[in-house]
Amino acid sequence: MIERIETGPRMSKIVKHNGVAYLCGQVGNAGDSVADQTSECLSRVDALLEDAGSSREKMLQAVIWLADMSDFAEMNAVWDAWVPEGYAPARACGEAKLARPELKVEIIVTAACD
């Protein structure tokens, strides 16, 4: 069974299937620093994980897009403080042109769920 949560005409915020929750990409507040945008992304990921019946400790994979790879260290400082020790997901990070020029980071998480 596939369960879709907060579904709109373009996308669902969460799709659950066979014990896995797929979260839509999260961005921060435009105009903020990379660290601030990363913190906001991760706060939104926390809320979606809770809605999905999951948690940081159940993350399977994260895909991170940066508008500029020169922001890698600044983003990682926030990420490293957020991920629980011993529960780091498989992760990829790359540079991409994001939906709006003022966005600096987007994070997509997949996690096991209840």
N, C-alpha and C. Protein backbone atom coordinates (compact mmCIF):
# COMPACT_ATOMS: atom_id res chain seq x y z
N MET A 1 0.84 -1.18 0.00
CA MET A 1 0.00 0.00 0.00
C MET A 1 0.89 1.25 0.00
N ILE A 2 0.50 2.22 -0.75
CA ILE A 2 1.20 3.51 -0.80
C ILE A 2 0.34 4.54 -0.08
N GLU A 3 0.97 5.25 0.85
CA GLU A 3 0.27 6.32 1.58
C GLU A 3 0.93 7.65 1.24
N ARG A 4 0.11 8.61 0.84
CA ARG A 4 0.61 9.95 0.51
C ARG A 4 0.10 10.93 1.56
N ILE A 5 0.98 11.76 2.07
CA ILE A 5 0.64 12.71 3.12
C ILE A 5 0.88 14.13 2.61
N GLU A 6 -0.09 15.00 2.87
CA GLU A 6 -0.05 16.39 2.41
C GLU A 6 0.21 16.45 0.91
N THR A 7 -0.72 15.85 0.17
CA THR A 7 -0.60 15.78 -1.28
C THR A 7 -1.28 16.97 -1.93
N GLY A 8 -0.57 17.58 -2.85
CA GLY A 8 -1.11 18.68 -3.65
C GLY A 8 -1.10 18.28 -5.11
N PRO A 9 -1.39 19.21 -5.99
CA PRO A 9 -1.43 18.87 -7.42
C PRO A 9 -0.07 18.51 -8.00
N ARG A 10 1.02 18.99 -7.40
CA ARG A 10 2.35 18.76 -7.95
C ARG A 10 3.13 17.67 -7.21
N MET A 11 2.93 17.58 -5.90
CA MET A 11 3.74 16.66 -5.12
C MET A 11 3.11 16.36 -3.77
N SER A 12 3.61 15.32 -3.13
CA SER A 12 3.26 15.00 -1.75
C SER A 12 4.45 15.36 -0.89
N LYS A 13 4.21 15.80 0.34
CA LYS A 13 5.32 16.10 1.25
C LYS A 13 5.98 14.81 1.73
N ILE A 14 5.17 13.76 1.88
CA ILE A 14 5.67 12.46 2.32
C ILE A 14 4.96 11.37 1.51
N VAL A 15 5.71 10.38 1.06
CA VAL A 15 5.12 9.18 0.47
C VAL A 15 5.71 8.00 1.24
N LYS A 16 4.82 7.14 1.76
CA LYS A 16 5.24 5.97 2.53
C LYS A 16 4.88 4.70 1.76
N HIS A 17 5.83 3.75 1.75
CA HIS A 17 5.61 2.48 1.07
C HIS A 17 6.55 1.43 1.66
N ASN A 18 5.98 0.30 2.04
CA ASN A 18 6.77 -0.82 2.56
C ASN A 18 7.73 -0.41 3.68
N GLY A 19 7.27 0.41 4.61
CA GLY A 19 8.09 0.79 5.76
C GLY A 19 9.15 1.83 5.48
N VAL A 20 9.03 2.51 4.35
CA VAL A 20 9.98 3.56 4.01
C VAL A 20 9.22 4.85 3.74
N ALA A 21 9.73 5.95 4.30
CA ALA A 21 9.15 7.28 4.07
C ALA A 21 10.09 8.08 3.18
N TYR A 22 9.53 8.58 2.09
CA TYR A 22 10.26 9.42 1.15
C TYR A 22 9.80 10.85 1.36
N LEU A 23 10.69 11.73 1.77
CA LEU A 23 10.32 13.11 2.05
C LEU A 23 10.63 13.98 0.84
N CYS A 24 9.79 14.98 0.63
CA CYS A 24 10.07 15.94 -0.44
C CYS A 24 11.27 16.80 -0.02
N GLY A 25 11.90 17.42 -0.98
CA GLY A 25 13.05 18.28 -0.70
C GLY A 25 12.66 19.47 0.16
N GLN A 26 13.56 19.83 1.07
CA GLN A 26 13.32 20.94 1.98
C GLN A 26 14.36 22.03 1.74
N VAL A 27 13.90 23.27 1.76
CA VAL A 27 14.78 24.43 1.62
C VAL A 27 14.57 25.34 2.82
N GLY A 28 15.49 26.27 2.98
CA GLY A 28 15.40 27.22 4.08
C GLY A 28 14.78 28.53 3.63
N ASN A 29 14.91 29.52 4.48
CA ASN A 29 14.38 30.85 4.18
C ASN A 29 15.35 31.59 3.28
N ALA A 30 14.84 32.07 2.17
CA ALA A 30 15.66 32.78 1.20
C ALA A 30 16.33 33.98 1.85
N GLY A 31 17.56 34.23 1.48
CA GLY A 31 18.29 35.39 1.98
C GLY A 31 19.12 35.10 3.21
N ASP A 32 18.83 34.02 3.91
CA ASP A 32 19.61 33.64 5.08
C ASP A 32 20.95 33.05 4.64
N SER A 33 21.88 32.92 5.59
CA SER A 33 23.17 32.29 5.31
C SER A 33 22.97 30.81 5.01
N VAL A 34 24.00 30.16 4.51
CA VAL A 34 23.94 28.73 4.25
C VAL A 34 23.67 27.98 5.56
N ALA A 35 24.33 28.38 6.63
CA ALA A 35 24.10 27.73 7.93
C ALA A 35 22.66 27.89 8.37
N ASP A 36 22.11 29.09 8.24
CA ASP A 36 20.71 29.32 8.63
C ASP A 36 19.75 28.54 7.74
N GLN A 37 20.00 28.53 6.43
CA GLN A 37 19.13 27.77 5.53
C GLN A 37 19.22 26.28 5.83
N THR A 38 20.41 25.78 6.14
CA THR A 38 20.57 24.37 6.48
C THR A 38 19.81 24.04 7.75
N SER A 39 19.93 24.90 8.77
CA SER A 39 19.20 24.69 10.02
C SER A 39 17.69 24.65 9.79
N GLU A 40 17.19 25.55 8.95
CA GLU A 40 15.76 25.59 8.65
C GLU A 40 15.34 24.33 7.89
N CYS A 41 16.14 23.91 6.91
CA CYS A 41 15.86 22.66 6.18
C CYS A 41 15.73 21.50 7.16
N LEU A 42 16.68 21.39 8.05
CA LEU A 42 16.71 20.26 8.97
C LEU A 42 15.58 20.31 9.98
N SER A 43 15.18 21.49 10.36
CA SER A 43 14.01 21.64 11.24
C SER A 43 12.76 21.13 10.52
N ARG A 44 12.65 21.45 9.25
CA ARG A 44 11.51 20.99 8.45
C ARG A 44 11.58 19.47 8.23
N VAL A 45 12.77 18.94 8.05
CA VAL A 45 12.94 17.49 7.93
C VAL A 45 12.49 16.82 9.22
N ASP A 46 12.88 17.38 10.38
CA ASP A 46 12.44 16.82 11.67
C ASP A 46 10.92 16.72 11.74
N ALA A 47 10.23 17.78 11.34
CA ALA A 47 8.76 17.80 11.39
C ALA A 47 8.18 16.74 10.46
N LEU A 48 8.73 16.61 9.25
CA LEU A 48 8.23 15.60 8.31
C LEU A 48 8.52 14.19 8.81
N LEU A 49 9.69 13.98 9.38
CA LEU A 49 10.01 12.66 9.93
C LEU A 49 9.01 12.28 11.02
N GLU A 50 8.69 13.22 11.88
CA GLU A 50 7.70 12.96 12.93
C GLU A 50 6.34 12.62 12.32
N ASP A 51 5.92 13.41 11.32
CA ASP A 51 4.64 13.15 10.65
C ASP A 51 4.61 11.77 9.99
N ALA A 52 5.78 11.31 9.56
CA ALA A 52 5.87 10.01 8.88
C ALA A 52 5.99 8.84 9.86
N GLY A 53 6.11 9.14 11.15
CA GLY A 53 6.32 8.07 12.13
C GLY A 53 7.76 7.59 12.12
N SER A 54 8.68 8.52 11.90
CA SER A 54 10.09 8.19 11.81
C SER A 54 10.89 9.16 12.67
N SER A 55 12.23 9.13 12.50
CA SER A 55 13.10 10.00 13.28
C SER A 55 14.47 10.07 12.62
N ARG A 56 15.31 10.93 13.14
CA ARG A 56 16.69 11.04 12.63
C ARG A 56 17.42 9.70 12.72
N GLU A 57 17.13 8.94 13.75
CA GLU A 57 17.80 7.66 13.95
C GLU A 57 17.39 6.61 12.92
N LYS A 58 16.34 6.88 12.17
CA LYS A 58 15.86 5.92 11.16
C LYS A 58 16.15 6.37 9.73
N MET A 59 16.95 7.44 9.57
CA MET A 59 17.28 7.90 8.23
C MET A 59 18.08 6.84 7.49
N LEU A 60 17.74 6.65 6.23
CA LEU A 60 18.44 5.71 5.37
C LEU A 60 19.37 6.44 4.40
N GLN A 61 18.87 7.53 3.83
CA GLN A 61 19.62 8.25 2.81
C GLN A 61 19.31 9.73 2.86
N ALA A 62 20.30 10.54 2.54
CA ALA A 62 20.09 11.98 2.37
C ALA A 62 20.80 12.43 1.10
N VAL A 63 20.11 13.27 0.35
CA VAL A 63 20.69 13.90 -0.83
C VAL A 63 20.66 15.40 -0.57
N ILE A 64 21.82 16.02 -0.69
CA ILE A 64 21.94 17.46 -0.41
C ILE A 64 22.42 18.15 -1.67
N TRP A 65 21.69 19.20 -2.04
CA TRP A 65 22.07 20.03 -3.17
C TRP A 65 22.50 21.39 -2.65
N LEU A 66 23.67 21.84 -3.05
CA LEU A 66 24.15 23.18 -2.73
C LEU A 66 24.19 24.00 -4.01
N ALA A 67 23.81 25.25 -3.91
CA ALA A 67 23.91 26.13 -5.07
C ALA A 67 25.37 26.41 -5.41
N ASP A 68 26.24 26.30 -4.40
CA ASP A 68 27.67 26.57 -4.60
C ASP A 68 28.46 25.64 -3.67
N MET A 69 29.29 24.77 -4.23
CA MET A 69 30.04 23.82 -3.41
C MET A 69 31.02 24.50 -2.47
N SER A 70 31.29 25.77 -2.67
CA SER A 70 32.16 26.48 -1.72
C SER A 70 31.48 26.60 -0.35
N ASP A 71 30.18 26.33 -0.27
CA ASP A 71 29.44 26.37 0.99
C ASP A 71 29.43 25.01 1.70
N PHE A 72 30.15 24.04 1.18
CA PHE A 72 30.15 22.67 1.70
C PHE A 72 30.50 22.61 3.20
N ALA A 73 31.57 23.26 3.61
CA ALA A 73 32.01 23.21 5.02
C ALA A 73 30.98 23.86 5.94
N GLU A 74 30.41 25.00 5.52
CA GLU A 74 29.41 25.69 6.35
C GLU A 74 28.16 24.82 6.53
N MET A 75 27.71 24.18 5.45
CA MET A 75 26.56 23.30 5.55
C MET A 75 26.88 22.10 6.43
N ASN A 76 28.06 21.50 6.23
CA ASN A 76 28.45 20.31 6.99
C ASN A 76 28.54 20.58 8.49
N ALA A 77 28.94 21.77 8.89
CA ALA A 77 29.02 22.09 10.32
C ALA A 77 27.64 21.95 10.97
N VAL A 78 26.60 22.41 10.28
CA VAL A 78 25.23 22.31 10.80
C VAL A 78 24.76 20.86 10.72
N TRP A 79 24.99 20.22 9.58
CA TRP A 79 24.59 18.83 9.38
C TRP A 79 25.19 17.92 10.44
N ASP A 80 26.50 18.04 10.65
CA ASP A 80 27.20 17.17 11.59
C ASP A 80 26.67 17.30 13.02
N ALA A 81 26.28 18.50 13.40
CA ALA A 81 25.71 18.72 14.74
C ALA A 81 24.29 18.16 14.85
N TRP A 82 23.59 18.02 13.73
CA TRP A 82 22.19 17.58 13.70
C TRP A 82 22.06 16.06 13.67
N VAL A 83 22.94 15.37 12.96
CA VAL A 83 22.83 13.92 12.81
C VAL A 83 23.26 13.24 14.12
N PRO A 84 22.40 12.37 14.66
CA PRO A 84 22.78 11.67 15.90
C PRO A 84 24.00 10.77 15.67
N GLU A 85 24.91 10.79 16.62
CA GLU A 85 26.12 9.98 16.50
C GLU A 85 25.75 8.51 16.32
N GLY A 86 26.36 7.89 15.33
CA GLY A 86 26.11 6.48 15.05
C GLY A 86 24.93 6.22 14.13
N TYR A 87 24.24 7.27 13.69
CA TYR A 87 23.04 7.10 12.86
C TYR A 87 23.14 7.86 11.52
N ALA A 88 24.34 8.11 11.06
CA ALA A 88 24.50 8.84 9.80
C ALA A 88 23.93 8.03 8.65
N PRO A 89 23.11 8.65 7.79
CA PRO A 89 22.57 7.93 6.64
C PRO A 89 23.60 7.86 5.51
N ALA A 90 23.31 7.03 4.51
CA ALA A 90 24.06 7.12 3.26
C ALA A 90 23.78 8.52 2.72
N ARG A 91 24.79 9.19 2.17
CA ARG A 91 24.58 10.59 1.80
C ARG A 91 25.33 10.94 0.52
N ALA A 92 24.70 11.82 -0.25
CA ALA A 92 25.36 12.40 -1.42
C ALA A 92 25.17 13.91 -1.33
N CYS A 93 26.15 14.63 -1.85
CA CYS A 93 26.04 16.09 -1.87
C CYS A 93 26.64 16.57 -3.18
N GLY A 94 25.89 17.42 -3.86
CA GLY A 94 26.36 17.95 -5.12
C GLY A 94 25.93 19.39 -5.32
N GLU A 95 26.41 19.97 -6.37
CA GLU A 95 26.06 21.35 -6.71
C GLU A 95 24.97 21.32 -7.77
N ALA A 96 23.98 22.19 -7.59
CA ALA A 96 22.87 22.26 -8.55
C ALA A 96 22.28 23.66 -8.54
N LYS A 97 21.72 24.03 -9.66
CA LYS A 97 20.94 25.27 -9.73
C LYS A 97 19.60 24.98 -9.06
N LEU A 98 19.30 25.67 -7.97
CA LEU A 98 18.07 25.42 -7.22
C LEU A 98 16.91 26.22 -7.81
N ALA A 99 15.71 25.99 -7.26
CA ALA A 99 14.48 26.54 -7.83
C ALA A 99 14.45 28.06 -7.90
N ARG A 100 15.10 28.72 -6.94
CA ARG A 100 15.16 30.18 -6.92
C ARG A 100 16.60 30.59 -6.62
N PRO A 101 17.07 31.68 -7.18
CA PRO A 101 18.49 32.06 -7.01
C PRO A 101 18.89 32.35 -5.57
N GLU A 102 17.96 32.72 -4.72
CA GLU A 102 18.29 33.04 -3.33
C GLU A 102 18.42 31.80 -2.44
N LEU A 103 18.03 30.64 -2.96
CA LEU A 103 18.17 29.40 -2.21
C LEU A 103 19.59 28.88 -2.32
N LYS A 104 20.13 28.39 -1.20
CA LYS A 104 21.51 27.94 -1.16
C LYS A 104 21.66 26.46 -0.89
N VAL A 105 20.61 25.83 -0.34
CA VAL A 105 20.70 24.40 0.00
C VAL A 105 19.31 23.77 -0.06
N GLU A 106 19.27 22.52 -0.51
CA GLU A 106 18.05 21.71 -0.48
C GLU A 106 18.43 20.32 0.00
N ILE A 107 17.61 19.77 0.91
CA ILE A 107 17.92 18.47 1.49
C ILE A 107 16.72 17.54 1.29
N ILE A 108 17.03 16.33 0.81
CA ILE A 108 16.01 15.30 0.57
C ILE A 108 16.38 14.09 1.42
N VAL A 109 15.43 13.60 2.21
CA VAL A 109 15.70 12.48 3.13
C VAL A 109 14.75 11.33 2.87
N THR A 110 15.28 10.12 2.96
CA THR A 110 14.51 8.89 2.93
C THR A 110 14.77 8.18 4.27
N ALA A 111 13.72 7.66 4.90
CA ALA A 111 13.88 7.06 6.22
C ALA A 111 12.94 5.86 6.40
N ALA A 112 13.36 4.94 7.25
CA ALA A 112 12.48 3.87 7.66
C ALA A 112 11.39 4.46 8.54
N CYS A 113 10.20 3.89 8.50
CA CYS A 113 9.10 4.42 9.30
C CYS A 113 8.27 3.29 9.89
N ASP A 114 7.46 3.64 10.88
CA ASP A 114 6.60 2.67 11.54
C ASP A 114 5.44 2.29 10.65
